[in-house]
Amino acid sequence: MANEYKHQSHPEIVKRLKRANGHLQSVINMIEEEKPCLELAQQLHAVERAIQQAKRVLVQDHIEHCLDDAIGALEPEQQRRVDEFKAIARYL
């Protein structure tokens, strides 16, 4: 039960978030060094994208694994509908 919330994607998510943290620290340094706003905006965009990607992977992984565990075995038509839900959720 201790690993109930640990998923295979978590190490990759941690890597993404650490990378985003490094980018964010760079942006802070750039602001303190009075770098041009365009450069700051570009770096902030990279931070934002990295965090969004980490969130997307986390949510998709949760949907893929936890939904199946929660609902158990299904009839083929029901499974098709769940699979369709998982596929469309990737576009969120």
C-alpha atoms as a PDB file:
ATOM      1  CA  MET A   1       0.000   0.000   0.000  1.00  0.00           C
ATOM      2  CA  ALA A   2       2.977   2.339   0.502  1.00  0.00           C
ATOM      3  CA  ASN A   3       3.603   2.523  -3.280  1.00  0.00           C
ATOM      4  CA  GLU A   4      -0.073   3.059  -4.085  1.00  0.00           C
ATOM      5  CA  TYR A   5       0.639   6.519  -5.498  1.00  0.00           C
ATOM      6  CA  LYS A   6       3.965   5.789  -7.189  1.00  0.00           C
ATOM      7  CA  HIS A   7       3.803   5.380 -10.941  1.00  0.00           C
ATOM      8  CA  GLN A   8       6.400   4.445 -13.519  1.00  0.00           C
ATOM      9  CA  SER A   9       6.290   7.988 -14.935  1.00  0.00           C
ATOM     10  CA  HIS A  10       7.239   9.695 -11.659  1.00  0.00           C
ATOM     11  CA  PRO A  11      11.040   9.663 -12.166  1.00  0.00           C
ATOM     12  CA  GLU A  12      10.588  11.328 -15.565  1.00  0.00           C
ATOM     13  CA  ILE A  13       8.235  13.895 -14.052  1.00  0.00           C
ATOM     14  CA  VAL A  14      10.784  14.680 -11.342  1.00  0.00           C
ATOM     15  CA  LYS A  15      13.438  15.204 -14.039  1.00  0.00           C
ATOM     16  CA  ARG A  16      11.146  17.586 -15.924  1.00  0.00           C
ATOM     17  CA  LEU A  17      10.342  19.561 -12.787  1.00  0.00           C
ATOM     18  CA  LYS A  18      14.004  19.818 -11.784  1.00  0.00           C
ATOM     19  CA  ARG A  19      14.787  21.096 -15.264  1.00  0.00           C
ATOM     20  CA  ALA A  20      11.972  23.647 -14.939  1.00  0.00           C
ATOM     21  CA  ASN A  21      13.330  24.659 -11.540  1.00  0.00           C
ATOM     22  CA  GLY A  22      16.743  25.272 -13.122  1.00  0.00           C
ATOM     23  CA  HIS A  23      15.157  27.376 -15.862  1.00  0.00           C
ATOM     24  CA  LEU A  24      13.233  29.367 -13.272  1.00  0.00           C
ATOM     25  CA  GLN A  25      16.387  30.076 -11.293  1.00  0.00           C
ATOM     26  CA  SER A  26      18.027  31.232 -14.520  1.00  0.00           C
ATOM     27  CA  VAL A  27      15.135  33.615 -15.155  1.00  0.00           C
ATOM     28  CA  ILE A  28      15.472  35.061 -11.660  1.00  0.00           C
ATOM     29  CA  ASN A  29      19.187  35.605 -12.282  1.00  0.00           C
ATOM     30  CA  MET A  30      18.440  37.184 -15.656  1.00  0.00           C
ATOM     31  CA  ILE A  31      15.983  39.621 -14.062  1.00  0.00           C
ATOM     32  CA  GLU A  32      18.541  40.558 -11.434  1.00  0.00           C
ATOM     33  CA  GLU A  33      21.094  41.082 -14.216  1.00  0.00           C
ATOM     34  CA  GLU A  34      18.580  43.274 -16.085  1.00  0.00           C
ATOM     35  CA  LYS A  35      18.488  41.139 -19.224  1.00  0.00           C
ATOM     36  CA  PRO A  36      16.158  42.117 -22.098  1.00  0.00           C
ATOM     37  CA  CYS A  37      12.457  41.339 -21.661  1.00  0.00           C
ATOM     38  CA  LEU A  38      12.340  39.228 -24.819  1.00  0.00           C
ATOM     39  CA  GLU A  39      14.951  36.861 -23.398  1.00  0.00           C
ATOM     40  CA  LEU A  40      13.073  36.734 -20.096  1.00  0.00           C
ATOM     41  CA  ALA A  41       9.790  35.951 -21.831  1.00  0.00           C
ATOM     42  CA  GLN A  42      11.416  33.161 -23.843  1.00  0.00           C
ATOM     43  CA  GLN A  43      12.860  31.568 -20.724  1.00  0.00           C
ATOM     44  CA  LEU A  44       9.603  31.930 -18.793  1.00  0.00           C
ATOM     45  CA  HIS A  45       7.826  30.253 -21.692  1.00  0.00           C
ATOM     46  CA  ALA A  46      10.252  27.322 -21.412  1.00  0.00           C
ATOM     47  CA  VAL A  47       9.546  27.043 -17.667  1.00  0.00           C
ATOM     48  CA  GLU A  48       5.818  27.126 -18.263  1.00  0.00           C
ATOM     49  CA  ARG A  49       5.989  24.454 -20.977  1.00  0.00           C
ATOM     50  CA  ALA A  50       8.106  22.154 -18.819  1.00  0.00           C
ATOM     51  CA  ILE A  51       5.617  22.368 -15.958  1.00  0.00           C
ATOM     52  CA  GLN A  52       2.643  21.868 -18.282  1.00  0.00           C
ATOM     53  CA  GLN A  53       4.293  18.801 -19.780  1.00  0.00           C
ATOM     54  CA  ALA A  54       5.000  17.352 -16.330  1.00  0.00           C
ATOM     55  CA  LYS A  55       1.371  17.875 -15.359  1.00  0.00           C
ATOM     56  CA  ARG A  56       0.127  16.310 -18.600  1.00  0.00           C
ATOM     57  CA  VAL A  57       2.246  13.194 -18.104  1.00  0.00           C
ATOM     58  CA  LEU A  58       1.112  12.889 -14.477  1.00  0.00           C
ATOM     59  CA  VAL A  59      -2.597  13.182 -15.325  1.00  0.00           C
ATOM     60  CA  GLN A  60      -2.383  10.825 -18.292  1.00  0.00           C
ATOM     61  CA  ASP A  61      -0.515   8.242 -16.252  1.00  0.00           C
ATOM     62  CA  HIS A  62      -3.111   8.494 -13.502  1.00  0.00           C
ATOM     63  CA  ILE A  63      -5.965   8.067 -15.971  1.00  0.00           C
ATOM     64  CA  GLU A  64      -4.273   5.104 -17.650  1.00  0.00           C
ATOM     65  CA  HIS A  65      -3.523   3.160 -14.486  1.00  0.00           C
ATOM     66  CA  CYS A  66      -5.840   4.257 -11.733  1.00  0.00           C
ATOM     67  CA  LEU A  67      -8.997   4.268 -13.824  1.00  0.00           C
ATOM     68  CA  ASP A  68      -8.476   0.643 -14.842  1.00  0.00           C
ATOM     69  CA  ASP A  69      -7.801  -0.342 -11.229  1.00  0.00           C
ATOM     70  CA  ALA A  70     -10.908   1.467 -10.028  1.00  0.00           C
ATOM     71  CA  ILE A  71     -13.377   0.040 -12.522  1.00  0.00           C
ATOM     72  CA  GLY A  72     -12.034  -3.483 -12.943  1.00  0.00           C
ATOM     73  CA  ALA A  73     -12.969  -5.856 -15.747  1.00  0.00           C
ATOM     74  CA  LEU A  74     -15.455  -4.583 -18.325  1.00  0.00           C
ATOM     75  CA  GLU A  75     -17.497  -5.893 -21.206  1.00  0.00           C
ATOM     76  CA  PRO A  76     -15.899  -5.138 -24.614  1.00  0.00           C
ATOM     77  CA  GLU A  77     -18.268  -2.240 -25.394  1.00  0.00           C
ATOM     78  CA  GLN A  78     -17.688  -0.693 -21.985  1.00  0.00           C
ATOM     79  CA  GLN A  79     -13.917  -1.094 -22.406  1.00  0.00           C
ATOM     80  CA  ARG A  80     -14.117   0.568 -25.817  1.00  0.00           C
ATOM     81  CA  ARG A  81     -15.814   3.583 -24.218  1.00  0.00           C
ATOM     82  CA  VAL A  82     -13.200   3.782 -21.445  1.00  0.00           C
ATOM     83  CA  ASP A  83     -10.415   3.544 -24.033  1.00  0.00           C
ATOM     84  CA  GLU A  84     -12.078   6.340 -26.007  1.00  0.00           C
ATOM     85  CA  PHE A  85     -12.212   8.471 -22.852  1.00  0.00           C
ATOM     86  CA  LYS A  86      -8.495   7.863 -22.252  1.00  0.00           C
ATOM     87  CA  ALA A  87      -7.698   8.803 -25.853  1.00  0.00           C
ATOM     88  CA  ILE A  88      -9.669  12.041 -25.795  1.00  0.00           C
ATOM     89  CA  ALA A  89      -8.224  13.006 -22.397  1.00  0.00           C
ATOM     90  CA  ARG A  90      -4.815  13.263 -24.089  1.00  0.00           C
ATOM     91  CA  TYR A  91      -6.024  16.416 -25.812  1.00  0.00           C
ATOM     92  CA  LEU A  92      -6.685  18.288 -22.560  1.00  0.00           C
END
